[in-house]
């Protein structure tokens, strides 16, 4: 974990600070098929399969769950969806139908993953082959985020998002445009606050 945080700090210091600020307990998992997860009811606790992959994967998992914690914290006080019963949309990450909230969370967290991958792809300490793979993974994530944002846009037009939800959607769309243009923010920020 210390090495994963160090890699994150080297690639994106603001993201590493956010992990330290939002994640106060890591529960290590050894479960085949499980990557990581967190719960709204357990803020700041990340369940990570710490032995499943590379150090880059671990840094990514730390960041991913931290992004969920951040969005969960907002959801404690504001609503993004205007409907009590959410329609389902296709999740490009799970390749299955998911509630609107799942698509919001997926898009939000994978935009941070995309930026991390792009930042790491510029890290001269990694092999050129590894940097190319990271750029390919980032391109795939950008495609997935674009697909999800299209569905979220339709949901917003259909009245399924609150004003805060539409604001978050606009923020995520701006972030994706910046990432596609190769502009990295330097800040750990997507959102409305």
Foldseek 3Di string as FASTA:
>chain_A
DVLLLVLCCVLAVQLSVLLVVWADEEAADCDPPDAKDDDLVDTNYIYGPVPDDDSLSVNLSSSLHSQVNVVSVVVVPDFFWPDPDFDWDQQPVVRDTDGLVVLLSLLRSLLVVLLSLLSVLPDPVDDVVSSVVSPVVSVVSLVRSVVSLVVLVVCVVVRGTDPQNVQLSVQSVVSSVCVVVVHRDSHPDRGDD
